[in-house]
Amino acid sequence: MNKILIDHLKQFEGCKLTAYKCPAGIWTVGWGATGKDIKEGTTWTDEQAEKDLIVRSNDCIEAALKISPILITCNDYRQAAIASFIYNCGADAYRKSTLKLSVDKQHWQEAAAQLMRWTHVGGKALLGLERRRAFESLMITHENNYT
């Protein structure tokens, strides 16, 4: 488990135990969980939310490493930045993005700039996404490979 990723997700996702519609209009519960089984009236316990967060964050780390194998040699901060992006936007969005191309080339400053392009929902900039992407940009440019 990547503690940096878990801490980051908890800071930016927040936890709501009763389903709500996120700014994109998607039913969401826990630490940002979405899916066919999440709908109006869905209620989770703290334990369900925590378990889902751990499982999904691990899945996002695995997806990041599979889609961009160069991340295997990178520090936990860079892995967490990309896994957080996947957690928020999805693996398909990452796979098709210019962000992925920058990561694969290890152009970290360029990757940070690409992250900052993903701050809108429905054509509207969201302050929460701007803050999240700014933090991810800091993580992806983190040079310490001994975390």
Protein backbone atom coordinates (compact mmCIF):
# COMPACT_ATOMS: atom_id res chain seq x y z
CA MET A 1 0.00 0.00 0.00
CA ASN A 2 1.24 3.48 -0.87
CA LYS A 3 0.67 5.57 2.29
CA ILE A 4 1.39 8.75 0.33
CA LEU A 5 -1.50 7.94 -2.01
CA ILE A 6 -3.91 7.08 0.81
CA ASP A 7 -3.10 10.30 2.68
CA HIS A 8 -3.44 12.32 -0.53
CA LEU A 9 -6.81 10.77 -1.41
CA LYS A 10 -8.14 11.36 2.08
CA GLN A 11 -7.11 15.00 1.87
CA PHE A 12 -8.72 15.66 -1.49
CA GLU A 13 -11.63 13.21 -1.71
CA GLY A 14 -13.21 13.62 1.69
CA CYS A 15 -15.50 10.90 3.01
CA LYS A 16 -19.28 10.96 2.92
CA LEU A 17 -21.09 7.86 4.09
CA THR A 18 -24.34 8.71 2.31
CA ALA A 19 -24.36 8.86 -1.48
CA TYR A 20 -24.28 12.32 -3.08
CA LYS A 21 -23.91 13.63 -6.60
CA CYS A 22 -20.41 14.89 -7.34
CA PRO A 23 -19.90 17.99 -9.54
CA ALA A 24 -19.98 15.71 -12.61
CA GLY A 25 -23.44 14.50 -11.57
CA ILE A 26 -22.29 10.98 -10.61
CA TRP A 27 -23.54 9.24 -7.48
CA THR A 28 -20.59 8.95 -5.09
CA VAL A 29 -20.06 7.55 -1.58
CA GLY A 30 -17.18 6.96 0.82
CA TRP A 31 -13.82 8.29 -0.33
CA GLY A 32 -15.04 9.06 -3.86
CA ALA A 33 -16.40 5.63 -4.79
CA THR A 34 -18.62 5.44 -7.86
CA GLY A 35 -20.18 2.59 -9.79
CA LYS A 36 -23.40 0.84 -10.75
CA ASP A 37 -24.10 -0.14 -7.15
CA ILE A 38 -23.83 3.47 -5.90
CA LYS A 39 -27.12 5.32 -6.18
CA GLU A 40 -29.34 7.67 -4.25
CA GLY A 41 -29.83 6.34 -0.73
CA THR A 42 -26.66 4.23 -0.67
CA THR A 43 -25.14 4.34 2.80
CA TRP A 44 -21.81 2.89 3.91
CA THR A 45 -20.11 2.39 7.25
CA ASP A 46 -16.69 3.87 8.03
CA GLU A 47 -15.27 0.36 7.64
CA GLN A 48 -16.79 -0.08 4.15
CA ALA A 49 -15.43 3.28 3.05
CA GLU A 50 -11.94 2.52 4.39
CA LYS A 51 -11.84 -0.94 2.81
CA ASP A 52 -13.00 0.44 -0.55
CA LEU A 53 -10.37 3.19 -0.41
CA ILE A 54 -7.57 0.69 0.20
CA VAL A 55 -8.74 -1.72 -2.51
CA ARG A 56 -9.30 0.99 -5.12
CA SER A 57 -6.06 2.82 -4.33
CA ASN A 58 -4.12 -0.44 -4.73
CA ASP A 59 -5.96 -1.06 -8.01
CA CYS A 60 -4.96 2.42 -9.21
CA ILE A 61 -1.31 1.86 -8.32
CA GLU A 62 -1.39 -1.42 -10.25
CA ALA A 63 -3.06 0.27 -13.23
CA ALA A 64 -0.49 3.10 -13.20
CA LEU A 65 2.40 0.62 -13.18
CA LYS A 66 0.82 -1.47 -15.93
CA ILE A 67 -0.01 1.47 -18.21
CA SER A 68 3.31 3.27 -17.59
CA PRO A 69 5.88 0.64 -16.56
CA ILE A 70 8.53 3.36 -16.16
CA LEU A 71 6.78 4.20 -12.87
CA ILE A 72 8.11 0.94 -11.40
CA THR A 73 11.52 2.62 -11.14
CA CYS A 74 10.07 5.86 -9.74
CA ASN A 75 9.55 7.00 -6.19
CA ASP A 76 6.28 6.64 -4.27
CA TYR A 77 5.41 10.29 -4.87
CA ARG A 78 5.38 9.91 -8.66
CA GLN A 79 3.46 6.66 -8.43
CA ALA A 80 0.95 8.29 -6.08
CA ALA A 81 0.46 11.29 -8.38
CA ILE A 82 -0.48 9.09 -11.33
CA ALA A 83 -2.54 6.68 -9.23
CA SER A 84 -4.45 9.66 -7.80
CA PHE A 85 -5.16 10.89 -11.32
CA ILE A 86 -6.43 7.41 -12.27
CA TYR A 87 -8.52 7.27 -9.08
CA ASN A 88 -10.14 10.56 -10.04
CA CYS A 89 -10.35 10.40 -13.85
CA GLY A 90 -10.04 6.71 -14.69
CA ALA A 91 -7.44 4.48 -16.31
CA ASP A 92 -8.83 5.07 -19.81
CA ALA A 93 -8.44 8.83 -19.47
CA TYR A 94 -4.84 8.36 -18.36
CA ARG A 95 -4.09 5.81 -21.09
CA LYS A 96 -5.25 8.26 -23.80
CA SER A 97 -3.69 11.39 -22.31
CA THR A 98 -0.72 13.54 -23.17
CA LEU A 99 0.09 13.22 -19.47
CA LYS A 100 0.92 9.53 -20.04
CA LEU A 101 3.23 10.42 -22.92
CA SER A 102 5.10 12.86 -20.68
CA VAL A 103 5.40 10.29 -17.88
CA ASP A 104 6.63 7.61 -20.26
CA LYS A 105 9.35 9.98 -21.50
CA GLN A 106 10.17 10.91 -17.87
CA HIS A 107 9.54 14.56 -18.68
CA TRP A 108 8.37 15.38 -15.17
CA GLN A 109 7.93 19.15 -15.55
CA GLU A 110 5.87 18.57 -18.69
CA ALA A 111 3.82 15.92 -16.85
CA ALA A 112 3.16 18.41 -14.06
CA ALA A 113 1.90 20.93 -16.62
CA GLN A 114 -0.30 18.27 -18.22
CA LEU A 115 -1.86 17.45 -14.85
CA MET A 116 -2.92 21.09 -14.52
CA ARG A 117 -5.01 20.74 -17.67
CA TRP A 118 -7.41 18.38 -15.84
CA THR A 119 -9.19 20.87 -13.58
CA HIS A 120 -12.57 21.21 -15.30
CA VAL A 121 -15.91 19.41 -15.04
CA GLY A 122 -18.51 20.22 -17.65
CA GLY A 123 -16.36 23.07 -18.97
CA LYS A 124 -16.18 24.72 -15.54
CA ALA A 125 -12.94 25.04 -13.55
CA LEU A 126 -13.24 23.67 -10.01
CA LEU A 127 -11.07 25.06 -7.23
CA GLY A 128 -10.89 21.65 -5.54
CA LEU A 129 -9.53 20.05 -8.73
CA GLU A 130 -7.09 22.92 -9.21
CA ARG A 131 -5.73 22.33 -5.70
CA ARG A 132 -5.61 18.58 -6.17
CA ARG A 133 -3.77 18.83 -9.50
CA ALA A 134 -1.33 21.37 -8.06
CA PHE A 135 -0.45 18.92 -5.28
CA GLU A 136 -0.15 16.04 -7.76
CA SER A 137 2.14 18.26 -9.85
CA LEU A 138 4.38 18.74 -6.82
CA MET A 139 4.41 15.00 -6.19
CA ILE A 140 5.30 14.14 -9.79
CA THR A 141 8.26 16.52 -9.80
CA HIS A 142 9.54 15.11 -6.48
CA GLU A 143 13.11 13.98 -7.13
CA ASN A 144 13.77 11.78 -4.09
CA ASN A 145 13.95 8.18 -5.27
CA TYR A 146 14.52 6.88 -1.74
CA THR A 147 11.07 7.12 -0.17
